[in-house]
């Protein structure tokens, strides 16, 4: 079974503390893997608006979030707790519900 990459330690951990962007892994076009997910319209709007503030597009912002998830134990545990109780995809509209 595959295992998660271990949390950085020593010099690598210190480098990431000084420069969190160092934890972001930017894929090459040859090795990139594509994934897709549905966003709530509010989340999509917020990510789009955030780009107007700092120029980081949604893909870059999500890669940064993944970098924190991968390198910060407390963040990973919190995300995993929330994720374990979330539905897999969008809910179908039901009568009387948006």
Protein backbone atom coordinates (compact mmCIF):
# COMPACT_ATOMS: atom_id res chain seq x y z
CA UNK A 1 0.00 0.00 0.00
CA UNK A 2 1.28 3.48 -0.82
CA UNK A 3 2.28 5.75 2.03
CA UNK A 4 2.19 9.50 2.39
CA UNK A 5 5.45 11.32 2.03
CA UNK A 6 6.75 11.86 5.58
CA UNK A 7 6.68 15.30 7.14
CA UNK A 8 9.84 17.26 6.41
CA UNK A 9 12.47 17.20 9.13
CA UNK A 10 15.72 18.94 9.91
CA UNK A 11 17.08 21.35 7.33
CA UNK A 12 14.15 20.85 4.94
CA UNK A 13 11.62 21.64 7.68
CA UNK A 14 13.54 24.80 8.62
CA UNK A 15 13.70 25.88 4.96
CA UNK A 16 9.92 25.47 4.64
CA UNK A 17 9.34 27.44 7.86
CA UNK A 18 11.43 30.29 6.42
CA UNK A 19 9.80 30.05 2.99
CA UNK A 20 6.47 28.14 2.92
CA UNK A 21 6.40 28.45 -0.88
CA UNK A 22 9.33 26.00 -0.93
CA UNK A 23 6.85 23.22 -0.07
CA UNK A 24 4.74 23.82 -3.20
CA UNK A 25 5.46 21.27 -5.88
CA UNK A 26 4.93 22.67 -9.37
CA UNK A 27 4.52 19.80 -11.82
CA UNK A 28 6.24 19.53 -15.15
CA UNK A 29 3.98 19.07 -18.14
CA UNK A 30 5.38 15.58 -18.68
CA UNK A 31 4.73 14.35 -15.14
CA UNK A 32 1.60 16.32 -14.23
CA UNK A 33 -1.49 14.46 -13.07
CA UNK A 34 -4.89 16.04 -13.45
CA UNK A 35 -7.67 15.99 -10.91
CA UNK A 36 -11.03 17.64 -10.80
CA UNK A 37 -13.52 18.53 -8.13
CA UNK A 38 -16.70 20.48 -7.75
CA UNK A 39 -16.73 23.74 -5.82
CA UNK A 40 -19.64 25.44 -4.17
CA UNK A 41 -20.42 28.63 -6.07
CA UNK A 42 -19.36 30.72 -3.03
CA UNK A 43 -15.96 28.98 -2.88
CA UNK A 44 -15.48 29.48 -6.61
CA UNK A 45 -16.36 33.16 -6.28
CA UNK A 46 -13.99 33.58 -3.33
CA UNK A 47 -11.09 31.92 -5.16
CA UNK A 48 -11.76 34.03 -8.24
CA UNK A 49 -11.95 37.22 -6.17
CA UNK A 50 -8.76 36.36 -4.27
CA UNK A 51 -6.90 36.38 -7.59
CA UNK A 52 -7.77 40.06 -8.01
CA UNK A 53 -6.08 40.76 -4.68
CA UNK A 54 -2.79 38.89 -5.03
CA UNK A 55 -2.70 37.46 -8.55
CA UNK A 56 -2.64 33.80 -7.47
CA UNK A 57 -5.08 31.76 -9.54
CA UNK A 58 -7.25 29.00 -8.07
CA UNK A 59 -4.90 26.19 -9.16
CA UNK A 60 -1.91 27.86 -7.54
CA UNK A 61 -3.88 28.52 -4.37
CA UNK A 62 -5.04 24.88 -4.16
CA UNK A 63 -1.45 23.65 -4.71
CA UNK A 64 -0.39 25.89 -1.80
CA UNK A 65 -3.13 24.40 0.39
CA UNK A 66 -1.93 20.90 -0.53
CA UNK A 67 1.64 21.89 0.37
CA UNK A 68 0.46 22.91 3.85
CA UNK A 69 -1.55 19.70 4.16
CA UNK A 70 1.53 17.69 3.20
CA UNK A 71 4.01 19.48 5.47
CA UNK A 72 2.03 20.55 8.56
CA UNK A 73 0.83 17.74 10.82
CA UNK A 74 -1.79 19.80 12.67
CA UNK A 75 -3.21 21.20 9.43
CA UNK A 76 -3.32 17.71 7.88
CA UNK A 77 -5.12 16.25 10.88
CA UNK A 78 -7.68 19.07 10.86
CA UNK A 79 -8.30 18.72 7.13
CA UNK A 80 -8.56 14.94 7.39
CA UNK A 81 -11.14 15.23 10.21
CA UNK A 82 -13.32 17.54 8.11
CA UNK A 83 -12.81 15.55 4.90
CA UNK A 84 -13.78 12.23 6.48
CA UNK A 85 -17.30 13.52 7.10
CA UNK A 86 -17.87 15.34 3.82
CA UNK A 87 -19.97 14.08 0.91
CA UNK A 88 -18.01 12.95 -2.14
CA UNK A 89 -19.55 15.22 -4.71
CA UNK A 90 -22.29 17.73 -5.29
CA UNK A 91 -25.72 17.05 -3.89
CA UNK A 92 -28.62 16.79 -6.27
CA UNK A 93 -31.23 19.47 -5.77
CA UNK A 94 -34.15 18.18 -3.80
CA UNK A 95 -37.59 19.75 -3.63
CA UNK A 96 -37.57 22.75 -1.34
CA UNK A 97 -33.76 22.87 -1.08
CA UNK A 98 -31.35 25.08 -3.01
